[in-house]
Amino acid sequence: MSVKGITVTGTLKQGVEVAGVLHRDFEMRLPTLGDNIDAVDQVGGHNGVAVNAALMARQLVRLGTLEPKQITYDLLCSMHPSDYNQLDAASGELEKKRLAAIAAAPNSSASATDSSKQV
C-alpha cells in the first residue's frame, strides 16, 4: 500500500453550514511537511489548536459539496467542537494507516547495505 494515497472518510455529527447548505461528509488525507509549515505561517505557532485546525483545513480533500478552496481555517473555526474532535480522531486514524503501510512495505535497507560492499 502506498503511503501517498492514504485517506479516511467520515460524517461529521454537526457539520458546517455554507450558504444554507449543511456539509457533513468528509475525506481527509495525510499531511505533508508543507502543510505543517503553511499552517504555522498562517496562525503562528503559539496556539496548538489553531495550528491543528489550519492543518486540518489543508488535509481535507472533501467536505460535503464544497470546493477545496472553500475549506479554510476560518470555516473550520466555525464548526462545533465535537466535529473538530472527529477530525482530530480521523487524523489519528490516518497515522495508524500510515504506520501499517510502512510496516507492510518491502524493506530497502538490506539492499542498500549490500550495494555498499566493495569486492
Protein backbone atom coordinates (compact mmCIF):
# COMPACT_ATOMS: atom_id res chain seq x y z
CA MET A 1 0.00 0.00 0.00
CA SER A 2 1.36 3.42 -0.95
CA VAL A 3 1.52 5.95 1.86
CA LYS A 4 0.78 8.78 -0.56
CA GLY A 5 -2.80 7.75 -1.37
CA ILE A 6 -3.99 7.05 2.18
CA THR A 7 -7.23 8.81 3.16
CA VAL A 8 -10.03 8.40 5.69
CA THR A 9 -13.68 9.29 5.29
CA GLY A 10 -16.43 10.06 7.75
CA THR A 11 -19.51 12.07 8.57
CA LEU A 12 -19.45 14.99 10.99
CA LYS A 13 -22.10 14.94 13.70
CA GLN A 14 -22.99 18.63 13.35
CA GLY A 15 -21.49 19.68 10.03
CA VAL A 16 -20.81 23.18 8.78
CA GLU A 17 -23.35 25.36 7.04
CA VAL A 18 -22.37 27.39 4.00
CA ALA A 19 -24.95 29.37 2.04
CA GLY A 20 -27.78 27.46 3.69
CA VAL A 21 -26.33 24.03 2.87
CA LEU A 22 -25.11 21.71 5.63
CA HIS A 23 -21.86 19.88 4.80
CA ARG A 24 -21.08 16.76 6.85
CA ASP A 25 -19.35 14.07 4.74
CA PHE A 26 -15.58 14.42 4.61
CA GLU A 27 -12.42 12.85 3.27
CA MET A 28 -9.03 13.62 4.79
CA ARG A 29 -5.51 12.84 3.54
CA LEU A 30 -2.16 12.63 5.29
CA PRO A 31 -0.45 15.98 5.90
CA THR A 32 2.79 16.99 4.25
CA LEU A 33 5.61 18.99 5.76
CA GLY A 34 4.49 21.86 3.53
CA ASP A 35 1.01 21.67 5.07
CA ASN A 36 2.58 21.97 8.52
CA ILE A 37 4.74 24.93 7.52
CA ASP A 38 1.82 26.73 5.86
CA ALA A 39 -0.40 26.14 8.91
CA VAL A 40 2.18 27.64 11.29
CA ASP A 41 2.79 30.54 8.90
CA GLN A 42 -0.96 31.21 8.80
CA VAL A 43 -1.73 31.18 12.52
CA GLY A 44 1.63 31.29 14.30
CA GLY A 45 2.99 28.55 16.49
CA HIS A 46 1.69 29.79 19.84
CA ASN A 47 -1.70 28.01 19.77
CA GLY A 48 -1.68 24.28 19.10
CA VAL A 49 -5.41 24.04 18.46
CA ALA A 50 -5.23 26.84 15.88
CA VAL A 51 -2.27 25.19 14.13
CA ASN A 52 -4.12 21.87 14.12
CA ALA A 53 -7.27 23.47 12.65
CA ALA A 54 -5.21 25.22 9.95
CA LEU A 55 -3.51 21.90 9.18
CA MET A 56 -6.83 20.04 9.00
CA ALA A 57 -8.17 22.62 6.54
CA ARG A 58 -5.29 21.67 4.25
CA GLN A 59 -5.76 17.91 4.80
CA LEU A 60 -9.46 17.88 3.94
CA VAL A 61 -9.85 16.62 0.39
CA ARG A 62 -13.63 16.87 0.58
CA LEU A 63 -16.22 18.38 2.89
CA GLY A 64 -19.73 17.89 1.59
CA THR A 65 -20.03 19.56 -1.80
CA LEU A 66 -17.65 22.41 -1.02
CA GLU A 67 -14.87 23.24 -3.44
CA PRO A 68 -11.42 22.59 -1.90
CA LYS A 69 -10.66 26.34 -1.87
CA GLN A 70 -13.76 26.84 0.34
CA ILE A 71 -12.38 24.55 3.05
CA THR A 72 -10.46 27.08 5.10
CA TYR A 73 -9.18 27.65 8.59
CA ASP A 74 -11.95 30.21 9.16
CA LEU A 75 -14.58 27.67 8.09
CA LEU A 76 -13.23 25.06 10.49
CA CYS A 77 -13.17 27.65 13.28
CA SER A 78 -16.93 27.96 12.85
CA MET A 79 -17.51 24.24 13.43
CA HIS A 80 -18.78 22.64 16.62
CA PRO A 81 -16.02 21.30 18.90
CA SER A 82 -17.38 17.74 18.56
CA ASP A 83 -16.76 17.95 14.80
CA TYR A 84 -13.23 19.21 15.42
CA ASN A 85 -12.73 16.20 17.71
CA GLN A 86 -13.97 13.89 14.94
CA LEU A 87 -11.48 15.37 12.50
CA ASP A 88 -8.73 15.04 15.10
CA ALA A 89 -9.64 11.35 15.54
CA ALA A 90 -9.60 10.90 11.75
CA SER A 91 -6.11 12.39 11.71
CA GLY A 92 -5.07 9.78 14.28
CA GLU A 93 -6.58 7.04 12.11
CA LEU A 94 -4.54 8.32 9.16
CA GLU A 95 -1.39 7.98 11.23
CA LYS A 96 -2.26 4.36 12.09
CA LYS A 97 -2.83 3.62 8.40
CA ARG A 98 0.48 5.29 7.51
CA LEU A 99 2.39 3.19 10.03
CA ALA A 100 0.70 -0.01 8.83
CA ALA A 101 1.60 0.81 5.22
CA ILE A 102 5.23 1.42 6.19
CA ALA A 103 5.38 -1.83 8.13
CA ALA A 104 3.97 -3.73 5.13
CA ALA A 105 6.35 -2.12 2.62
CA PRO A 106 9.43 -4.03 1.46
CA ASN A 107 12.50 -3.03 3.43
CA SER A 108 15.13 -1.45 1.21
CA SER A 109 17.86 -1.18 3.87
CA ALA A 110 19.23 -4.69 3.19
CA SER A 111 19.78 -3.98 -0.50
CA ALA A 112 21.35 -0.60 0.27
CA THR A 113 23.80 -2.28 2.65
CA ASP A 114 24.65 -5.00 0.13
CA SER A 115 25.32 -2.47 -2.64
CA SER A 116 27.76 -0.55 -0.44
CA LYS A 117 30.05 -3.60 -0.02
CA GLN A 118 33.20 -3.48 -2.06
CA VAL A 119 34.64 -6.54 -3.72
